[in-house]
C-alpha atoms as a PDB file:
ATOM      1  CA  MET A   1     -18.096  -3.269 -28.633  1.00  0.00           C
ATOM      2  CA  ASP A   2     -15.031  -1.505 -29.046  1.00  0.00           C
ATOM      3  CA  LYS A   3     -12.368  -2.754 -27.053  1.00  0.00           C
ATOM      4  CA  PHE A   4     -11.190   0.632 -25.708  1.00  0.00           C
ATOM      5  CA  GLN A   5     -14.938   1.316 -24.526  1.00  0.00           C
ATOM      6  CA  ASP A   6     -14.218  -1.187 -21.593  1.00  0.00           C
ATOM      7  CA  GLN A   7     -11.348   0.538 -20.675  1.00  0.00           C
ATOM      8  CA  THR A   8     -10.938   2.766 -17.633  1.00  0.00           C
ATOM      9  CA  ALA A   9      -7.916   4.629 -15.701  1.00  0.00           C
ATOM     10  CA  PHE A  10      -7.353   5.794 -12.250  1.00  0.00           C
ATOM     11  CA  SER A  11      -4.434   7.587  -9.967  1.00  0.00           C
ATOM     12  CA  CYS A  12      -3.105   6.259  -6.703  1.00  0.00           C
ATOM     13  CA  GLU A  13      -1.118   8.097  -4.577  1.00  0.00           C
ATOM     14  CA  LEU A  14       0.710   6.741  -1.261  1.00  0.00           C
ATOM     15  CA  ARG A  15       2.169   8.873   0.982  1.00  0.00           C
ATOM     16  CA  ILE A  16       4.843   8.073   3.379  1.00  0.00           C
ATOM     17  CA  ALA A  17       5.181  10.764   6.180  1.00  0.00           C
ATOM     18  CA  ARG A  18       7.100   9.848   9.201  1.00  0.00           C
ATOM     19  CA  ALA A  19       7.665   7.207  11.951  1.00  0.00           C
ATOM     20  CA  ARG A  20       8.001   6.800  15.599  1.00  0.00           C
ATOM     21  CA  ASN A  21       8.558   4.370  18.479  1.00  0.00           C
ATOM     22  CA  VAL A  22      11.854   3.073  16.494  1.00  0.00           C
ATOM     23  CA  GLU A  23      14.509   1.720  18.913  1.00  0.00           C
ATOM     24  CA  LEU A  24      17.793   1.064  17.143  1.00  0.00           C
ATOM     25  CA  ASP A  25      21.018  -0.566  18.520  1.00  0.00           C
ATOM     26  CA  SER A  26      23.191   0.908  16.168  1.00  0.00           C
ATOM     27  CA  LYS A  27      23.163   3.525  13.486  1.00  0.00           C
ATOM     28  CA  GLY A  28      22.344   3.484  10.275  1.00  0.00           C
ATOM     29  CA  SER A  29      19.378   4.370   8.036  1.00  0.00           C
ATOM     30  CA  LEU A  30      15.470   3.761   7.642  1.00  0.00           C
ATOM     31  CA  PHE A  31      13.424   3.275   4.804  1.00  0.00           C
ATOM     32  CA  VAL A  32       9.978   2.316   3.786  1.00  0.00           C
ATOM     33  CA  ARG A  33       9.422  -0.543   1.293  1.00  0.00           C
ATOM     34  CA  CYS A  34       6.053  -0.752  -0.276  1.00  0.00           C
ATOM     35  CA  TYR A  35       4.529  -3.672  -2.186  1.00  0.00           C
ATOM     36  CA  MET A  36       1.547  -3.593  -4.580  1.00  0.00           C
ATOM     37  CA  SER A  37      -0.258  -6.279  -6.203  1.00  0.00           C
ATOM     38  CA  ALA A  38      -0.176  -6.205  -9.938  1.00  0.00           C
ATOM     39  CA  GLY A  39      -2.366  -9.098 -10.876  1.00  0.00           C
ATOM     40  CA  ASN A  40      -0.978 -12.478 -12.203  1.00  0.00           C
ATOM     41  CA  LYS A  41       1.445 -13.078  -8.918  1.00  0.00           C
ATOM     42  CA  ASN A  42       2.943 -10.153  -9.782  1.00  0.00           C
ATOM     43  CA  ARG A  43       3.854  -7.006  -7.670  1.00  0.00           C
ATOM     44  CA  VAL A  44       5.315  -3.561  -7.723  1.00  0.00           C
ATOM     45  CA  ARG A  45       7.961  -2.882  -5.462  1.00  0.00           C
ATOM     46  CA  PHE A  46       9.241   0.806  -4.553  1.00  0.00           C
ATOM     47  CA  GLU A  47      11.021   2.727  -1.677  1.00  0.00           C
ATOM     48  CA  THR A  48      11.443   5.818   0.056  1.00  0.00           C
ATOM     49  CA  ARG A  49      14.775   7.271   0.097  1.00  0.00           C
ATOM     50  CA  GLU A  50      17.016   6.194   3.112  1.00  0.00           C
ATOM     51  CA  VAL A  51      16.784   8.829   6.093  1.00  0.00           C
ATOM     52  CA  SER A  52      19.144   8.772   9.258  1.00  0.00           C
ATOM     53  CA  SER A  53      17.863   6.689  12.211  1.00  0.00           C
ATOM     54  CA  SER A  54      17.732  10.364  14.220  1.00  0.00           C
ATOM     55  CA  ASN A  55      15.415  11.805  11.542  1.00  0.00           C
ATOM     56  CA  LEU A  56      12.367   9.593  10.907  1.00  0.00           C
ATOM     57  CA  VAL A  57      10.824  12.198   8.200  1.00  0.00           C
ATOM     58  CA  TRP A  58      10.416  11.097   4.715  1.00  0.00           C
ATOM     59  CA  ASN A  59       7.234  13.530   3.262  1.00  0.00           C
ATOM     60  CA  GLN A  60       7.425  11.461   0.331  1.00  0.00           C
ATOM     61  CA  SER A  61       4.786  10.647  -2.261  1.00  0.00           C
ATOM     62  CA  PHE A  62       4.439   8.049  -5.029  1.00  0.00           C
ATOM     63  CA  CYS A  63       1.755   8.024  -7.628  1.00  0.00           C
ATOM     64  CA  LEU A  64       0.691   5.116  -9.656  1.00  0.00           C
ATOM     65  CA  ASP A  65      -1.183   5.580 -13.138  1.00  0.00           C
ATOM     66  CA  CYS A  66      -3.409   2.292 -13.205  1.00  0.00           C
ATOM     67  CA  PHE A  67      -5.134   1.204 -16.738  1.00  0.00           C
ATOM     68  CA  GLY A  68      -7.151  -1.712 -17.592  1.00  0.00           C
ATOM     69  CA  THR A  69     -10.760  -2.941 -17.825  1.00  0.00           C
ATOM     70  CA  LYS A  70     -13.413  -1.551 -15.548  1.00  0.00           C
ATOM     71  CA  GLU A  71     -13.545  -4.833 -14.148  1.00  0.00           C
ATOM     72  CA  SER A  72     -10.305  -5.731 -13.460  1.00  0.00           C
ATOM     73  CA  MET A  73      -9.673  -1.995 -11.996  1.00  0.00           C
ATOM     74  CA  SER A  74     -12.864  -2.749 -10.085  1.00  0.00           C
ATOM     75  CA  ASN A  75     -11.290  -5.737  -8.709  1.00  0.00           C
ATOM     76  CA  MET A  76      -7.569  -4.109  -8.061  1.00  0.00           C
ATOM     77  CA  LEU A  77      -9.566  -1.560  -5.794  1.00  0.00           C
ATOM     78  CA  LEU A  78     -12.159  -4.058  -3.888  1.00  0.00           C
ATOM     79  CA  GLU A  79      -9.291  -7.207  -2.999  1.00  0.00           C
ATOM     80  CA  GLY A  80      -5.937  -5.440  -3.217  1.00  0.00           C
ATOM     81  CA  THR A  81      -3.488  -4.230  -0.568  1.00  0.00           C
ATOM     82  CA  VAL A  82      -0.382  -2.279  -0.442  1.00  0.00           C
ATOM     83  CA  ILE A  83       2.065  -3.571   2.267  1.00  0.00           C
ATOM     84  CA  PHE A  84       4.366  -1.510   4.000  1.00  0.00           C
ATOM     85  CA  GLU A  85       7.636  -2.618   5.813  1.00  0.00           C
ATOM     86  CA  LEU A  86       9.407  -0.274   7.840  1.00  0.00           C
ATOM     87  CA  ARG A  87      13.678  -1.470   7.195  1.00  0.00           C
ATOM     88  CA  TRP A  88      16.997  -0.573   8.608  1.00  0.00           C
ATOM     89  CA  ARG A  89      20.401  -0.850   6.662  1.00  0.00           C
ATOM     90  CA  SER A  90      23.445  -0.623   8.761  1.00  0.00           C
ATOM     91  CA  GLY A  91      25.473   2.427   7.473  1.00  0.00           C
ATOM     92  CA  VAL A  92      28.424   0.126   6.771  1.00  0.00           C
ATOM     93  CA  SER A  93      29.380  -0.839   3.255  1.00  0.00           C
ATOM     94  CA  PHE A  94      31.416  -3.758   2.024  1.00  0.00           C
ATOM     95  CA  PHE A  95      33.719  -3.044  -1.320  1.00  0.00           C
ATOM     96  CA  GLY A  96      31.399  -0.141  -2.283  1.00  0.00           C
ATOM     97  CA  ARG A  97      28.053  -2.236  -1.947  1.00  0.00           C
ATOM     98  CA  THR A  98      25.493  -1.337   0.527  1.00  0.00           C
ATOM     99  CA  GLY A  99      24.391  -3.953   2.969  1.00  0.00           C
ATOM    100  CA  LYS A 100      21.165  -5.820   2.903  1.00  0.00           C
ATOM    101  CA  SER A 101      18.301  -4.207   5.016  1.00  0.00           C
ATOM    102  CA  HIS A 102      16.807  -5.730   7.968  1.00  0.00           C
ATOM    103  CA  LEU A 103      12.770  -5.545   8.663  1.00  0.00           C
ATOM    104  CA  LEU A 104      11.507  -3.555  11.393  1.00  0.00           C
ATOM    105  CA  GLY A 105       7.987  -4.041  11.169  1.00  0.00           C
ATOM    106  CA  LYS A 106       5.369  -4.866   8.430  1.00  0.00           C
ATOM    107  CA  ALA A 107       1.613  -3.969   8.255  1.00  0.00           C
ATOM    108  CA  GLN A 108      -1.106  -4.138   5.044  1.00  0.00           C
ATOM    109  CA  VAL A 109      -3.807  -1.792   4.134  1.00  0.00           C
ATOM    110  CA  PRO A 110      -6.743  -2.340   1.723  1.00  0.00           C
ATOM    111  CA  TRP A 111      -7.391  -0.265  -1.020  1.00  0.00           C
ATOM    112  CA  LYS A 112     -11.247  -0.742  -0.096  1.00  0.00           C
ATOM    113  CA  THR A 113     -10.418   0.982   3.142  1.00  0.00           C
ATOM    114  CA  VAL A 114      -9.785   4.275   0.820  1.00  0.00           C
ATOM    115  CA  LEU A 115     -13.153   3.637  -1.230  1.00  0.00           C
ATOM    116  CA  GLU A 116     -14.931   3.273   1.844  1.00  0.00           C
ATOM    117  CA  SER A 117     -13.721   7.028   3.059  1.00  0.00           C
ATOM    118  CA  SER A 118     -16.041   9.524   2.005  1.00  0.00           C
ATOM    119  CA  THR A 119     -13.331  11.698   0.410  1.00  0.00           C
ATOM    120  CA  MET A 120     -11.561   8.359  -1.176  1.00  0.00           C
ATOM    121  CA  ASN A 121      -8.244   9.533   0.835  1.00  0.00           C
ATOM    122  CA  ILE A 122      -7.212   8.382   4.152  1.00  0.00           C
ATOM    123  CA  GLU A 123      -4.344   9.532   6.474  1.00  0.00           C
ATOM    124  CA  LYS A 124      -3.152   7.044   9.529  1.00  0.00           C
ATOM    125  CA  TRP A 125      -0.629   5.708  11.769  1.00  0.00           C
ATOM    126  CA  LEU A 126       0.261   2.345  11.141  1.00  0.00           C
ATOM    127  CA  VAL A 127       1.131   0.168  13.848  1.00  0.00           C
ATOM    128  CA  MET A 128       3.856  -2.274  12.535  1.00  0.00           C
ATOM    129  CA  GLU A 129       3.822  -5.883  13.542  1.00  0.00           C
ATOM    130  CA  THR A 130       7.254  -6.955  14.685  1.00  0.00           C
ATOM    131  CA  ARG A 131       9.036 -10.717  14.446  1.00  0.00           C
ATOM    132  CA  LYS A 132      10.421  -9.893  18.062  1.00  0.00           C
ATOM    133  CA  SER A 133       8.704  -9.830  21.231  1.00  0.00           C
ATOM    134  CA  LEU A 134       8.551  -6.371  22.594  1.00  0.00           C
ATOM    135  CA  SER A 135       9.776  -5.587  26.317  1.00  0.00           C
ATOM    136  CA  ASP A 136       6.651  -4.406  28.650  1.00  0.00           C
ATOM    137  CA  GLY A 137       6.078  -0.491  28.182  1.00  0.00           C
ATOM    138  CA  VAL A 138       7.743  -0.542  24.537  1.00  0.00           C
ATOM    139  CA  LYS A 139       5.354   0.676  21.736  1.00  0.00           C
ATOM    140  CA  PRO A 140       5.214  -0.894  18.212  1.00  0.00           C
ATOM    141  CA  PRO A 141       7.051   1.131  15.517  1.00  0.00           C
ATOM    142  CA  ALA A 142       4.697   2.824  13.545  1.00  0.00           C
ATOM    143  CA  VAL A 143       4.592   4.737  10.091  1.00  0.00           C
ATOM    144  CA  GLN A 144       2.144   7.710   9.375  1.00  0.00           C
ATOM    145  CA  ILE A 145       0.771   6.908   5.597  1.00  0.00           C
ATOM    146  CA  GLY A 146      -1.493   8.395   3.639  1.00  0.00           C
ATOM    147  CA  MET A 147      -3.742   6.595   0.496  1.00  0.00           C
ATOM    148  CA  GLN A 148      -5.948   8.484  -2.043  1.00  0.00           C
ATOM    149  CA  VAL A 149      -7.692   7.212  -5.405  1.00  0.00           C
ATOM    150  CA  LYS A 150      -8.623   9.723  -7.932  1.00  0.00           C
ATOM    151  CA  GLY A 151     -10.921   8.904 -11.197  1.00  0.00           C
ATOM    152  CA  THR A 152     -12.207   5.687  -9.357  1.00  0.00           C
ATOM    153  CA  PRO A 153     -14.041   3.424 -11.534  1.00  0.00           C
ATOM    154  CA  LEU A 154     -17.722   3.766 -10.522  1.00  0.00           C
ATOM    155  CA  ASP A 155     -18.387  -0.041 -10.728  1.00  0.00           C
ATOM    156  CA  ALA A 156     -15.881  -0.062  -7.959  1.00  0.00           C
ATOM    157  CA  THR A 157     -17.733   2.259  -5.816  1.00  0.00           C
ATOM    158  CA  LYS A 158     -21.203   0.349  -6.146  1.00  0.00           C
ATOM    159  CA  ALA A 159     -19.544  -2.780  -5.622  1.00  0.00           C
ATOM    160  CA  VAL A 160     -18.291  -1.448  -2.209  1.00  0.00           C
ATOM    161  CA  LYS A 161     -21.413  -0.181  -1.157  1.00  0.00           C
ATOM    162  CA  ARG A 162     -23.253  -3.335  -2.242  1.00  0.00           C
ATOM    163  CA  SER A 163     -20.655  -5.336  -0.453  1.00  0.00           C
ATOM    164  CA  LYS A 164     -21.285  -3.351   2.727  1.00  0.00           C
ATOM    165  CA  SER A 165     -24.972  -3.684   2.891  1.00  0.00           C
ATOM    166  CA  CYS A 166     -24.552  -7.662   2.284  1.00  0.00           C
ATOM    167  CA  GLY A 167     -22.510  -8.627   5.105  1.00  0.00           C
ATOM    168  CA  ASP A 168     -19.512 -10.899   5.297  1.00  0.00           C
ATOM    169  CA  ARG A 169     -20.920 -14.061   4.297  1.00  0.00           C
ATOM    170  CA  CYS A 170     -22.979 -12.793   1.368  1.00  0.00           C
ATOM    171  CA  GLN A 171     -23.416 -15.233  -1.622  1.00  0.00           C
ATOM    172  CA  CYS A 172     -24.835 -12.717  -4.397  1.00  0.00           C
ATOM    173  CA  LYS A 173     -22.859 -12.322  -8.090  1.00  0.00           C
ATOM    174  CA  SER A 174     -21.558  -9.193  -7.404  1.00  0.00           C
ATOM    175  CA  CYS A 175     -19.875 -10.095  -4.116  1.00  0.00           C
ATOM    176  CA  LEU A 176     -18.653 -13.066  -5.643  1.00  0.00           C
ATOM    177  CA  ASN A 177     -17.091 -11.580  -8.259  1.00  0.00           C
ATOM    178  CA  SER A 178     -15.529  -8.747  -6.346  1.00  0.00           C
ATOM    179  CA  GLN A 179     -13.690 -11.706  -4.644  1.00  0.00           C
ATOM    180  CA  LEU A 180     -11.598 -12.594  -7.810  1.00  0.00           C
ATOM    181  CA  PHE A 181      -8.327 -10.578  -8.106  1.00  0.00           C
ATOM    182  CA  ALA A 182      -7.077  -9.290 -11.415  1.00  0.00           C
ATOM    183  CA  LEU A 183      -5.069  -6.408 -12.865  1.00  0.00           C
ATOM    184  CA  ASP A 184      -4.790  -6.215 -16.583  1.00  0.00           C
ATOM    185  CA  GLY A 185      -3.279  -2.722 -16.951  1.00  0.00           C
ATOM    186  CA  ALA A 186       0.121  -1.410 -16.771  1.00  0.00           C
ATOM    187  CA  LEU A 187       1.406   0.634 -13.513  1.00  0.00           C
ATOM    188  CA  GLU A 188       3.526   3.618 -14.012  1.00  0.00           C
ATOM    189  CA  PHE A 189       5.468   5.893 -11.709  1.00  0.00           C
ATOM    190  CA  SER A 190       5.041   9.331 -12.134  1.00  0.00           C
ATOM    191  CA  CYS A 191       3.169  12.337 -10.039  1.00  0.00           C
END
């Protein structure tokens, strides 16, 4: 079999729209940092531009072109997640260097959620988990995101349909195989 015959490609798009319920004690800038697994314990990290804490709108998109074997790409979509971190950075710089950022909240979304949508596209508000406890009546920060998959490997959509019908404790070969995660392909940033 030709080694290119088993190859597939698709695009993933992440959109970071805006944030709400962000309470800060001092001025600075906000941004969203995203992590996406790239197999072999590697991950890709990217960040939105920084916006002032008084303007919580980004309307920024990231497009990732994914290449690899059909099996690895299916596994990536079935088992992979994207981690979103809402971060704050003080406006004060030391000797021309930007200060470290501080985590305000964190959430993750599995790509499988996107595959299960009829349009392969989701838009939602992510309520962020925070390290500190919130006072009564204070809502946790939330970030509005969108995720879309274009050109999905057929094996991935078939496996999602099978695993939905099997249930959580399924031991069939297709469901067990979908628990393995490997991404043989490269991820490129382009839109």
